[in-house]
């Protein structure tokens, strides 16, 4: 169990080849950070046709890749565009699901450690893993 600073409002993310037997885009942070992530998804969910690069938002600390979130009428999942860019196309259903799951992360207590997969079925090129209390920011430094 990792004790991330409860006041750290940063989401760390990066791409890990063959992480726990699958190529994985990992997001890790504190409850406060996940509350901000949830609020960002809530804001963008109602804006079809828009997109945002997580690497350009101060609450996100990217390591080896950028993630471009696209608000679409139909989900396309997490797609690898090239070695340094992923595109995450979400529809209304996925926004609602991931916002609800981020509520659980935002409510985590000291000592909690768990993860959830934010996958879009077979549409994803890689698995999307969101984690709290399992990995600290050091895991992203060698990417």
Protein backbone atom coordinates (compact mmCIF):
# COMPACT_ATOMS: atom_id res chain seq x y z
CA UNK A 1 0.00 0.00 0.00
CA UNK A 2 1.34 3.42 -1.03
CA UNK A 3 0.48 6.48 1.01
CA UNK A 4 0.14 9.27 -1.56
CA UNK A 5 -0.17 12.77 -0.19
CA UNK A 6 -3.89 13.34 0.37
CA UNK A 7 -3.46 16.96 -0.71
CA UNK A 8 -1.65 16.10 -3.97
CA UNK A 9 -4.07 17.12 -6.69
CA UNK A 10 -2.15 15.42 -9.51
CA UNK A 11 -3.02 12.44 -11.69
CA UNK A 12 0.09 10.65 -12.95
CA UNK A 13 -0.26 8.68 -16.16
CA UNK A 14 1.87 6.67 -18.52
CA UNK A 15 2.00 3.73 -20.90
CA UNK A 16 3.48 0.44 -19.66
CA UNK A 17 4.26 -2.29 -22.16
CA UNK A 18 3.21 -5.72 -20.86
CA UNK A 19 2.23 -4.39 -17.41
CA UNK A 20 0.78 -7.32 -15.47
CA UNK A 21 0.56 -9.27 -18.76
CA UNK A 22 -1.12 -6.55 -20.86
CA UNK A 23 -0.14 -3.25 -22.47
CA UNK A 24 -1.58 -0.71 -20.03
CA UNK A 25 -2.27 2.98 -19.77
CA UNK A 26 -2.08 3.60 -16.01
CA UNK A 27 -3.60 6.56 -14.15
CA UNK A 28 -2.64 6.93 -10.48
CA UNK A 29 -3.42 9.60 -7.90
CA UNK A 30 -4.91 10.63 -4.58
CA UNK A 31 -8.60 10.97 -3.66
CA UNK A 32 -8.39 14.74 -4.17
CA UNK A 33 -6.86 14.25 -7.60
CA UNK A 34 -9.52 11.74 -8.61
CA UNK A 35 -12.25 14.17 -7.50
CA UNK A 36 -10.76 16.71 -9.93
CA UNK A 37 -10.54 14.05 -12.66
CA UNK A 38 -14.22 13.21 -12.09
CA UNK A 39 -15.17 16.89 -12.30
CA UNK A 40 -13.21 17.28 -15.53
CA UNK A 41 -15.08 14.33 -17.07
CA UNK A 42 -18.39 15.81 -15.88
CA UNK A 43 -17.50 19.10 -17.57
CA UNK A 44 -16.53 17.51 -20.88
CA UNK A 45 -19.34 14.92 -20.94
CA UNK A 46 -21.84 17.59 -21.91
CA UNK A 47 -19.72 19.00 -24.72
CA UNK A 48 -19.97 16.63 -27.71
CA UNK A 49 -17.46 17.23 -30.47
CA UNK A 50 -14.81 18.64 -28.12
CA UNK A 51 -11.46 17.21 -27.17
CA UNK A 52 -8.77 17.90 -24.58
CA UNK A 53 -5.16 16.78 -24.23
CA UNK A 54 -4.54 15.61 -20.66
CA UNK A 55 -0.87 16.59 -20.97
CA UNK A 56 -1.93 20.24 -21.31
CA UNK A 57 -3.97 20.28 -18.09
CA UNK A 58 -2.01 21.16 -14.91
CA UNK A 59 -3.62 18.42 -12.77
CA UNK A 60 -2.15 15.72 -15.05
CA UNK A 61 1.51 14.71 -14.91
CA UNK A 62 2.34 12.82 -18.07
CA UNK A 63 5.29 10.54 -18.43
CA UNK A 64 5.90 8.94 -21.81
CA UNK A 65 2.64 9.57 -23.71
CA UNK A 66 -0.12 12.11 -24.22
CA UNK A 67 -3.79 11.21 -24.00
CA UNK A 68 -6.31 13.09 -26.10
CA UNK A 69 -9.84 12.73 -24.69
CA UNK A 70 -12.53 13.03 -27.37
CA UNK A 71 -16.23 13.49 -26.63
CA UNK A 72 -18.07 11.45 -29.26
CA UNK A 73 -21.60 10.28 -30.01
CA UNK A 74 -20.30 6.69 -30.11
CA UNK A 75 -17.44 5.22 -28.11
CA UNK A 76 -14.20 4.34 -29.92
CA UNK A 77 -12.15 3.39 -26.83
CA UNK A 78 -8.47 3.94 -26.11
CA UNK A 79 -6.55 3.93 -29.40
CA UNK A 80 -2.81 4.05 -29.87
CA UNK A 81 -2.19 6.73 -32.50
CA UNK A 82 1.61 6.49 -32.31
CA UNK A 83 4.32 5.77 -29.70
CA UNK A 84 3.63 9.05 -27.89
CA UNK A 85 -0.12 9.62 -28.33
CA UNK A 86 -3.29 7.79 -27.37
CA UNK A 87 -6.81 8.91 -28.25
CA UNK A 88 -9.62 8.07 -25.81
CA UNK A 89 -12.98 8.37 -27.54
CA UNK A 90 -15.86 8.20 -25.06
CA UNK A 91 -19.61 8.34 -25.55
CA UNK A 92 -22.28 9.39 -23.03
CA UNK A 93 -22.58 5.90 -21.49
CA UNK A 94 -18.83 5.62 -20.83
CA UNK A 95 -18.67 9.13 -19.39
CA UNK A 96 -21.45 8.28 -16.95
CA UNK A 97 -19.82 4.96 -15.99
CA UNK A 98 -16.34 6.43 -15.46
CA UNK A 99 -17.68 9.45 -13.54
CA UNK A 100 -19.51 7.08 -11.19
CA UNK A 101 -16.38 4.97 -10.73
CA UNK A 102 -14.24 8.05 -10.06
CA UNK A 103 -16.67 8.94 -7.24
CA UNK A 104 -15.45 5.79 -5.50
CA UNK A 105 -11.81 6.81 -5.97
CA UNK A 106 -12.57 10.34 -4.72
CA UNK A 107 -14.10 8.83 -1.55
CA UNK A 108 -11.13 6.57 -0.75
CA UNK A 109 -9.82 6.66 2.81
CA UNK A 110 -6.24 6.57 4.10
CA UNK A 111 -4.84 3.11 3.58
CA UNK A 112 -7.20 2.16 0.75
CA UNK A 113 -5.52 0.55 -2.24
CA UNK A 114 -7.45 -0.66 -5.26
CA UNK A 115 -7.80 -0.28 -9.00
CA UNK A 116 -10.45 -0.43 -11.68
CA UNK A 117 -10.26 -0.95 -15.42
CA UNK A 118 -11.80 1.87 -17.45
CA UNK A 119 -12.00 -0.18 -20.60
CA UNK A 120 -14.46 0.10 -23.45
CA UNK A 121 -14.77 -3.60 -24.24
CA UNK A 122 -12.96 -4.88 -27.29
CA UNK A 123 -12.55 -1.39 -28.76
CA UNK A 124 -9.42 -0.57 -26.74
CA UNK A 125 -5.92 -1.07 -28.13
CA UNK A 126 -4.61 -1.21 -24.53
CA UNK A 127 -6.18 -1.69 -21.13
CA UNK A 128 -6.89 1.44 -19.10
CA UNK A 129 -6.17 1.01 -15.39
CA UNK A 130 -7.02 3.59 -12.72
CA UNK A 131 -5.30 2.99 -9.39
CA UNK A 132 -5.22 4.47 -5.91
CA UNK A 133 -2.78 3.55 -3.16
CA UNK A 134 -0.98 0.91 -5.23
CA UNK A 135 1.64 2.93 -7.14
CA UNK A 136 3.37 6.17 -6.32
CA UNK A 137 4.76 8.72 -8.75
CA UNK A 138 8.16 6.96 -8.83
CA UNK A 139 6.81 4.22 -11.11
CA UNK A 140 6.38 6.79 -13.90
CA UNK A 141 9.90 8.25 -13.72
CA UNK A 142 11.64 5.50 -15.73
CA UNK A 143 9.23 5.50 -18.66
